[in-house]
Amino acid sequence: MGSAGKTAFGVILGIGAVTGVLCYYAFGLVAPEPGVMTYVSREPPPAGSAAVPSGSSSDSGGGGSGGNQAPASSSPASNGGENATQNVTSSAAPGPSGAEGGANDTGSNTITTAAAAATLTIPNGASVQGNPAYEPNPLTVNVGDTIAVENKDIAPHTVTNGKDATDPTMGKLFDTSIINAGDSAEIVAADLDPGEYAYFCSVHPYMTGTLTVQ
């Protein structure tokens, strides 16, 4: 082999060595690493892209787990529905008890009053001076009787014992307080001794009457 051939052979060997070293480092840079996804463009594809490699974890394991997660989520939802039904049932169960409690409360709040033995009516127009103020007048009852007072006038009135506002006994024996138009009140003669008791309207003092207790 001449000197020219030796030189050419040496050059070829050198080029081959350089090429081998470059290829080694080049393949080392692009070699895949465990658990690391490498893309040719060095950038991951957009989310939801169909360019995900078929060998990726989303296809092999992730997809399967995603498919399994749907039934798993629906199963707790179903269980939640059953629990909700049970809760409604359990909450509705005390309903009869609550209803009984309401009935008991209604019974306990019911105030039993004795039926009125007599009715004293304030007729319509009683507030006009000269018109009948109370009916009947006089009114006769027995000791302990309950007297119902009905205001059929368009103005408020009272039934207050006493001859007028200057009477020292005014309102001490009985007093209905203000009875609005259309409302009613009661007078109980339990504390009244037999006798005659004058009364009047504290709103319209010219309205007077007499109550006889026997």
C-alpha atoms as a PDB file:
ATOM      1  CA  MET A   1       0.000   0.000   0.000  1.00  0.00           C
ATOM      2  CA  GLY A   2       1.403   3.342  -1.063  1.00  0.00           C
ATOM      3  CA  SER A   3       1.620   6.425   1.053  1.00  0.00           C
ATOM      4  CA  ALA A   4      -1.466   7.832  -0.621  1.00  0.00           C
ATOM      5  CA  GLY A   5      -3.463   4.729   0.305  1.00  0.00           C
ATOM      6  CA  LYS A   6      -2.296   4.867   3.892  1.00  0.00           C
ATOM      7  CA  THR A   7      -3.283   8.474   4.119  1.00  0.00           C
ATOM      8  CA  ALA A   8      -6.747   7.781   2.699  1.00  0.00           C
ATOM      9  CA  PHE A   9      -7.240   4.842   5.050  1.00  0.00           C
ATOM     10  CA  GLY A  10      -6.281   6.962   8.023  1.00  0.00           C
ATOM     11  CA  VAL A  11      -8.704   9.679   6.941  1.00  0.00           C
ATOM     12  CA  ILE A  12     -11.514   7.104   6.579  1.00  0.00           C
ATOM     13  CA  LEU A  13     -10.800   5.699  10.035  1.00  0.00           C
ATOM     14  CA  GLY A  14     -10.799   9.185  11.498  1.00  0.00           C
ATOM     15  CA  ILE A  15     -14.080  10.073   9.834  1.00  0.00           C
ATOM     16  CA  GLY A  16     -15.602   6.790  11.027  1.00  0.00           C
ATOM     17  CA  ALA A  17     -14.432   7.424  14.589  1.00  0.00           C
ATOM     18  CA  VAL A  18     -15.816  10.961  14.591  1.00  0.00           C
ATOM     19  CA  THR A  19     -19.073   9.729  13.073  1.00  0.00           C
ATOM     20  CA  GLY A  20     -19.395   7.005  15.690  1.00  0.00           C
ATOM     21  CA  VAL A  21     -18.812   9.453  18.555  1.00  0.00           C
ATOM     22  CA  LEU A  22     -21.366  11.923  17.148  1.00  0.00           C
ATOM     23  CA  CYS A  23     -23.948   9.171  16.645  1.00  0.00           C
ATOM     24  CA  TYR A  24     -23.406   7.941  20.182  1.00  0.00           C
ATOM     25  CA  TYR A  25     -24.045  11.332  21.710  1.00  0.00           C
ATOM     26  CA  ALA A  26     -26.907  12.022  19.319  1.00  0.00           C
ATOM     27  CA  PHE A  27     -28.715   8.801  20.242  1.00  0.00           C
ATOM     28  CA  GLY A  28     -27.973   9.467  23.902  1.00  0.00           C
ATOM     29  CA  LEU A  29     -29.817  12.791  23.695  1.00  0.00           C
ATOM     30  CA  VAL A  30     -32.952  11.345  22.101  1.00  0.00           C
ATOM     31  CA  ALA A  31     -33.013   8.038  23.939  1.00  0.00           C
ATOM     32  CA  PRO A  32     -36.334   7.570  25.895  1.00  0.00           C
ATOM     33  CA  GLU A  33     -36.212   7.647  29.687  1.00  0.00           C
ATOM     34  CA  PRO A  34     -38.452   5.473  31.848  1.00  0.00           C
ATOM     35  CA  GLY A  35     -41.652   7.344  32.808  1.00  0.00           C
ATOM     36  CA  VAL A  36     -40.834  10.319  30.518  1.00  0.00           C
ATOM     37  CA  MET A  37     -42.821  10.914  27.338  1.00  0.00           C
ATOM     38  CA  THR A  38     -40.567  12.291  24.546  1.00  0.00           C
ATOM     39  CA  TYR A  39     -42.005  13.942  21.465  1.00  0.00           C
ATOM     40  CA  VAL A  40     -40.229  14.538  18.191  1.00  0.00           C
ATOM     41  CA  SER A  41     -41.179  18.221  18.273  1.00  0.00           C
ATOM     42  CA  ARG A  42     -39.941  18.487  21.901  1.00  0.00           C
ATOM     43  CA  GLU A  43     -43.426  19.879  22.817  1.00  0.00           C
ATOM     44  CA  PRO A  44     -46.391  17.873  24.131  1.00  0.00           C
ATOM     45  CA  PRO A  45     -49.528  17.789  21.946  1.00  0.00           C
ATOM     46  CA  PRO A  46     -52.552  19.925  22.942  1.00  0.00           C
ATOM     47  CA  ALA A  47     -54.866  18.530  25.627  1.00  0.00           C
ATOM     48  CA  GLY A  48     -57.474  16.164  24.225  1.00  0.00           C
ATOM     49  CA  SER A  49     -55.449  15.665  21.045  1.00  0.00           C
ATOM     50  CA  ALA A  50     -55.760  12.336  19.282  1.00  0.00           C
ATOM     51  CA  ALA A  51     -51.989  12.366  18.734  1.00  0.00           C
ATOM     52  CA  VAL A  52     -51.343  10.613  22.021  1.00  0.00           C
ATOM     53  CA  PRO A  53     -49.274   7.505  21.307  1.00  0.00           C
ATOM     54  CA  SER A  54     -51.121   4.268  21.508  1.00  0.00           C
ATOM     55  CA  GLY A  55     -48.565   2.962  23.987  1.00  0.00           C
ATOM     56  CA  SER A  56     -49.108   5.841  26.434  1.00  0.00           C
ATOM     57  CA  SER A  57     -50.397   5.295  29.918  1.00  0.00           C
ATOM     58  CA  SER A  58     -53.742   6.968  29.060  1.00  0.00           C
ATOM     59  CA  ASP A  59     -54.483   4.185  26.598  1.00  0.00           C
ATOM     60  CA  SER A  60     -53.035   1.206  28.395  1.00  0.00           C
ATOM     61  CA  GLY A  61     -53.922   1.896  32.012  1.00  0.00           C
ATOM     62  CA  GLY A  62     -55.397   5.393  32.287  1.00  0.00           C
ATOM     63  CA  GLY A  63     -58.170   4.726  29.793  1.00  0.00           C
ATOM     64  CA  GLY A  64     -59.118   1.557  31.611  1.00  0.00           C
ATOM     65  CA  SER A  65     -59.081   3.278  34.947  1.00  0.00           C
ATOM     66  CA  GLY A  66     -61.119   6.168  33.479  1.00  0.00           C
ATOM     67  CA  GLY A  67     -63.667   3.672  32.220  1.00  0.00           C
ATOM     68  CA  ASN A  68     -63.791   2.087  35.639  1.00  0.00           C
ATOM     69  CA  GLN A  69     -64.147   5.422  37.384  1.00  0.00           C
ATOM     70  CA  ALA A  70     -67.485   6.188  35.701  1.00  0.00           C
ATOM     71  CA  PRO A  71     -69.269   3.134  37.158  1.00  0.00           C
ATOM     72  CA  ALA A  72     -67.517   3.826  40.470  1.00  0.00           C
ATOM     73  CA  SER A  73     -68.893   7.388  40.541  1.00  0.00           C
ATOM     74  CA  SER A  74     -72.350   6.207  39.521  1.00  0.00           C
ATOM     75  CA  SER A  75     -72.323   3.540  42.214  1.00  0.00           C
ATOM     76  CA  PRO A  76     -71.820   6.025  45.080  1.00  0.00           C
ATOM     77  CA  ALA A  77     -74.501   8.188  43.487  1.00  0.00           C
ATOM     78  CA  SER A  78     -76.838   5.217  43.611  1.00  0.00           C
ATOM     79  CA  ASN A  79     -75.885   4.573  47.206  1.00  0.00           C
ATOM     80  CA  GLY A  80     -76.421   8.253  47.931  1.00  0.00           C
ATOM     81  CA  GLY A  81     -79.918   7.974  46.475  1.00  0.00           C
ATOM     82  CA  GLU A  82     -80.675   4.989  48.694  1.00  0.00           C
ATOM     83  CA  ASN A  83     -79.361   6.849  51.723  1.00  0.00           C
ATOM     84  CA  ALA A  84     -81.415   9.908  50.818  1.00  0.00           C
ATOM     85  CA  THR A  85     -84.539   7.766  50.598  1.00  0.00           C
ATOM     86  CA  GLN A  86     -83.765   6.235  53.954  1.00  0.00           C
ATOM     87  CA  ASN A  87     -83.195   9.677  55.453  1.00  0.00           C
ATOM     88  CA  VAL A  88     -86.500  10.933  54.128  1.00  0.00           C
ATOM     89  CA  THR A  89     -88.215   7.869  55.466  1.00  0.00           C
ATOM     90  CA  SER A  90     -86.603   8.237  58.858  1.00  0.00           C
ATOM     91  CA  SER A  91     -87.379  11.956  58.967  1.00  0.00           C
ATOM     92  CA  ALA A  92     -90.945  11.275  57.914  1.00  0.00           C
ATOM     93  CA  ALA A  93     -91.311   8.556  60.511  1.00  0.00           C
ATOM     94  CA  PRO A  94     -91.608  11.007  63.418  1.00  0.00           C
ATOM     95  CA  GLY A  95     -94.428  12.675  61.459  1.00  0.00           C
ATOM     96  CA  PRO A  96     -97.243  10.818  63.272  1.00  0.00           C
ATOM     97  CA  SER A  97     -95.512  11.530  66.562  1.00  0.00           C
ATOM     98  CA  GLY A  98     -95.251  15.195  65.605  1.00  0.00           C
ATOM     99  CA  ALA A  99     -98.876  15.124  64.534  1.00  0.00           C
ATOM    100  CA  GLU A 100     -99.847  13.642  67.876  1.00  0.00           C
ATOM    101  CA  GLY A 101     -97.791  16.326  69.552  1.00  0.00           C
ATOM    102  CA  GLY A 102     -99.649  18.954  67.530  1.00  0.00           C
ATOM    103  CA  ALA A 103    -102.943  17.406  68.562  1.00  0.00           C
ATOM    104  CA  ASN A 104    -101.859  17.400  72.162  1.00  0.00           C
ATOM    105  CA  ASP A 105    -100.705  20.983  71.885  1.00  0.00           C
ATOM    106  CA  THR A 106    -104.048  21.970  70.397  1.00  0.00           C
ATOM    107  CA  GLY A 107    -105.818  20.233  73.229  1.00  0.00           C
ATOM    108  CA  SER A 108    -103.591  21.846  75.842  1.00  0.00           C
ATOM    109  CA  ASN A 109    -104.100  25.279  74.295  1.00  0.00           C
ATOM    110  CA  THR A 110    -107.848  24.930  74.147  1.00  0.00           C
ATOM    111  CA  ILE A 111    -109.404  27.206  76.728  1.00  0.00           C
ATOM    112  CA  THR A 112    -112.726  25.950  77.973  1.00  0.00           C
ATOM    113  CA  THR A 113    -115.015  28.757  79.047  1.00  0.00           C
ATOM    114  CA  ALA A 114    -118.443  28.514  80.511  1.00  0.00           C
ATOM    115  CA  ALA A 115    -121.268  29.231  78.125  1.00  0.00           C
ATOM    116  CA  ALA A 116    -122.604  32.767  78.479  1.00  0.00           C
ATOM    117  CA  ALA A 117    -125.816  32.895  80.490  1.00  0.00           C
ATOM    118  CA  ALA A 118    -126.808  36.240  78.974  1.00  0.00           C
ATOM    119  CA  THR A 119    -125.835  38.547  76.133  1.00  0.00           C
ATOM    120  CA  LEU A 120    -125.495  42.313  76.354  1.00  0.00           C
ATOM    121  CA  THR A 121    -125.596  43.955  72.926  1.00  0.00           C
ATOM    122  CA  ILE A 122    -124.253  47.361  71.935  1.00  0.00           C
ATOM    123  CA  PRO A 123    -126.527  48.120  68.950  1.00  0.00           C
ATOM    124  CA  ASN A 124    -125.533  49.854  65.772  1.00  0.00           C
ATOM    125  CA  GLY A 125    -125.801  53.633  66.225  1.00  0.00           C
ATOM    126  CA  ALA A 126    -125.210  53.467  69.983  1.00  0.00           C
ATOM    127  CA  SER A 127    -122.464  56.063  69.702  1.00  0.00           C
ATOM    128  CA  VAL A 128    -125.054  58.669  68.640  1.00  0.00           C
ATOM    129  CA  GLN A 129    -126.364  60.361  71.764  1.00  0.00           C
ATOM    130  CA  GLY A 130    -130.080  59.664  72.282  1.00  0.00           C
ATOM    131  CA  ASN A 131    -129.986  56.223  70.605  1.00  0.00           C
ATOM    132  CA  PRO A 132    -130.286  52.995  72.648  1.00  0.00           C
ATOM    133  CA  ALA A 133    -126.889  52.359  74.238  1.00  0.00           C
ATOM    134  CA  TYR A 134    -127.190  48.786  75.534  1.00  0.00           C
ATOM    135  CA  GLU A 135    -129.758  46.037  75.009  1.00  0.00           C
ATOM    136  CA  PRO A 136    -131.404  44.765  77.094  1.00  0.00           C
ATOM    137  CA  ASN A 137    -131.368  47.496  79.689  1.00  0.00           C
ATOM    138  CA  PRO A 138    -131.586  46.681  82.507  1.00  0.00           C
ATOM    139  CA  LEU A 139    -129.973  43.233  82.230  1.00  0.00           C
ATOM    140  CA  THR A 140    -130.688  40.660  84.952  1.00  0.00           C
ATOM    141  CA  VAL A 141    -128.300  37.750  85.701  1.00  0.00           C
ATOM    142  CA  ASN A 142    -127.471  35.394  88.555  1.00  0.00           C
ATOM    143  CA  VAL A 143    -124.370  35.439  90.736  1.00  0.00           C
ATOM    144  CA  GLY A 144    -121.529  33.716  88.863  1.00  0.00           C
ATOM    145  CA  ASP A 145    -123.097  34.063  85.424  1.00  0.00           C
ATOM    146  CA  THR A 146    -120.987  34.909  82.390  1.00  0.00           C
ATOM    147  CA  ILE A 147    -122.264  37.767  80.269  1.00  0.00           C
ATOM    148  CA  ALA A 148    -121.276  37.985  76.591  1.00  0.00           C
ATOM    149  CA  VAL A 149    -120.902  41.555  75.316  1.00  0.00           C
ATOM    150  CA  GLU A 150    -121.206  42.071  71.558  1.00  0.00           C
ATOM    151  CA  ASN A 151    -120.377  45.372  69.891  1.00  0.00           C
ATOM    152  CA  LYS A 152    -122.487  45.728  66.738  1.00  0.00           C
ATOM    153  CA  ASP A 153    -121.786  49.425  66.401  1.00  0.00           C
ATOM    154  CA  ILE A 154    -119.183  50.948  64.069  1.00  0.00           C
ATOM    155  CA  ALA A 155    -117.385  52.646  66.977  1.00  0.00           C
ATOM    156  CA  PRO A 156    -115.389  51.188  69.899  1.00  0.00           C
ATOM    157  CA  HIS A 157    -117.118  50.956  73.289  1.00  0.00           C
ATOM    158  CA  THR A 158    -116.667  49.631  76.828  1.00  0.00           C
ATOM    159  CA  VAL A 159    -118.883  48.296  79.591  1.00  0.00           C
ATOM    160  CA  THR A 160    -117.385  49.783  82.742  1.00  0.00           C
ATOM    161  CA  ASN A 161    -119.031  49.714  86.146  1.00  0.00           C
ATOM    162  CA  GLY A 162    -119.802  53.106  87.688  1.00  0.00           C
ATOM    163  CA  LYS A 163    -122.157  56.000  87.073  1.00  0.00           C
ATOM    164  CA  ASP A 164    -119.533  58.021  85.211  1.00  0.00           C
ATOM    165  CA  ALA A 165    -115.812  58.789  85.158  1.00  0.00           C
ATOM    166  CA  THR A 166    -116.053  60.496  88.556  1.00  0.00           C
ATOM    167  CA  ASP A 167    -117.348  57.365  90.308  1.00  0.00           C
ATOM    168  CA  PRO A 168    -114.662  56.145  92.784  1.00  0.00           C
ATOM    169  CA  THR A 169    -115.624  52.510  92.052  1.00  0.00           C
ATOM    170  CA  MET A 170    -115.247  52.996  88.287  1.00  0.00           C
ATOM    171  CA  GLY A 171    -113.853  49.850  86.631  1.00  0.00           C
ATOM    172  CA  LYS A 172    -113.120  48.112  89.958  1.00  0.00           C
ATOM    173  CA  LEU A 173    -115.983  45.593  89.735  1.00  0.00           C
ATOM    174  CA  PHE A 174    -116.035  44.891  85.999  1.00  0.00           C
ATOM    175  CA  ASP A 175    -114.640  46.488  82.852  1.00  0.00           C
ATOM    176  CA  THR A 176    -114.475  45.032  79.350  1.00  0.00           C
ATOM    177  CA  SER A 177    -111.855  47.557  78.211  1.00  0.00           C
ATOM    178  CA  ILE A 178    -112.123  48.728  74.599  1.00  0.00           C
ATOM    179  CA  ILE A 179    -114.313  46.525  72.390  1.00  0.00           C
ATOM    180  CA  ASN A 180    -113.697  47.369  68.763  1.00  0.00           C
ATOM    181  CA  ALA A 181    -116.486  47.367  66.183  1.00  0.00           C
ATOM    182  CA  GLY A 182    -117.640  43.817  65.487  1.00  0.00           C
ATOM    183  CA  ASP A 183    -115.697  42.358  68.445  1.00  0.00           C
ATOM    184  CA  SER A 184    -116.960  40.862  71.672  1.00  0.00           C
ATOM    185  CA  ALA A 185    -115.961  40.505  75.313  1.00  0.00           C
ATOM    186  CA  GLU A 186    -117.138  38.895  78.541  1.00  0.00           C
ATOM    187  CA  ILE A 187    -118.187  39.964  82.007  1.00  0.00           C
ATOM    188  CA  VAL A 188    -118.141  37.382  84.800  1.00  0.00           C
ATOM    189  CA  ALA A 189    -120.417  38.138  87.734  1.00  0.00           C
ATOM    190  CA  ALA A 190    -118.652  35.744  90.090  1.00  0.00           C
ATOM    191  CA  ASP A 191    -117.429  38.545  92.388  1.00  0.00           C
ATOM    192  CA  LEU A 192    -120.656  40.522  92.299  1.00  0.00           C
ATOM    193  CA  ASP A 193    -123.099  40.351  95.174  1.00  0.00           C
ATOM    194  CA  PRO A 194    -126.815  40.501  94.497  1.00  0.00           C
ATOM    195  CA  GLY A 195    -127.861  44.059  93.721  1.00  0.00           C
ATOM    196  CA  GLU A 196    -127.949  46.706  91.017  1.00  0.00           C
ATOM    197  CA  TYR A 197    -124.798  48.001  89.323  1.00  0.00           C
ATOM    198  CA  ALA A 198    -124.666  51.052  87.099  1.00  0.00           C
ATOM    199  CA  TYR A 199    -122.284  50.978  84.147  1.00  0.00           C
ATOM    200  CA  PHE A 200    -121.365  53.238  81.246  1.00  0.00           C
ATOM    201  CA  CYS A 201    -119.087  53.498  78.200  1.00  0.00           C
ATOM    202  CA  SER A 202    -115.773  55.126  79.011  1.00  0.00           C
ATOM    203  CA  VAL A 203    -115.481  56.247  75.384  1.00  0.00           C
ATOM    204  CA  HIS A 204    -119.001  57.713  75.242  1.00  0.00           C
ATOM    205  CA  PRO A 205    -119.988  58.559  78.857  1.00  0.00           C
ATOM    206  CA  TYR A 206    -123.575  59.362  77.846  1.00  0.00           C
ATOM    207  CA  MET A 207    -124.069  55.637  77.133  1.00  0.00           C
ATOM    208  CA  THR A 208    -125.305  54.130  80.419  1.00  0.00           C
ATOM    209  CA  GLY A 209    -127.043  51.006  81.654  1.00  0.00           C
ATOM    210  CA  THR A 210    -127.940  48.923  84.697  1.00  0.00           C
ATOM    211  CA  LEU A 211    -126.915  45.365  85.580  1.00  0.00           C
ATOM    212  CA  THR A 212    -129.052  43.508  88.125  1.00  0.00           C
ATOM    213  CA  VAL A 213    -127.506  40.530  89.897  1.00  0.00           C
ATOM    214  CA  GLN A 214    -129.791  38.173  91.850  1.00  0.00           C
END
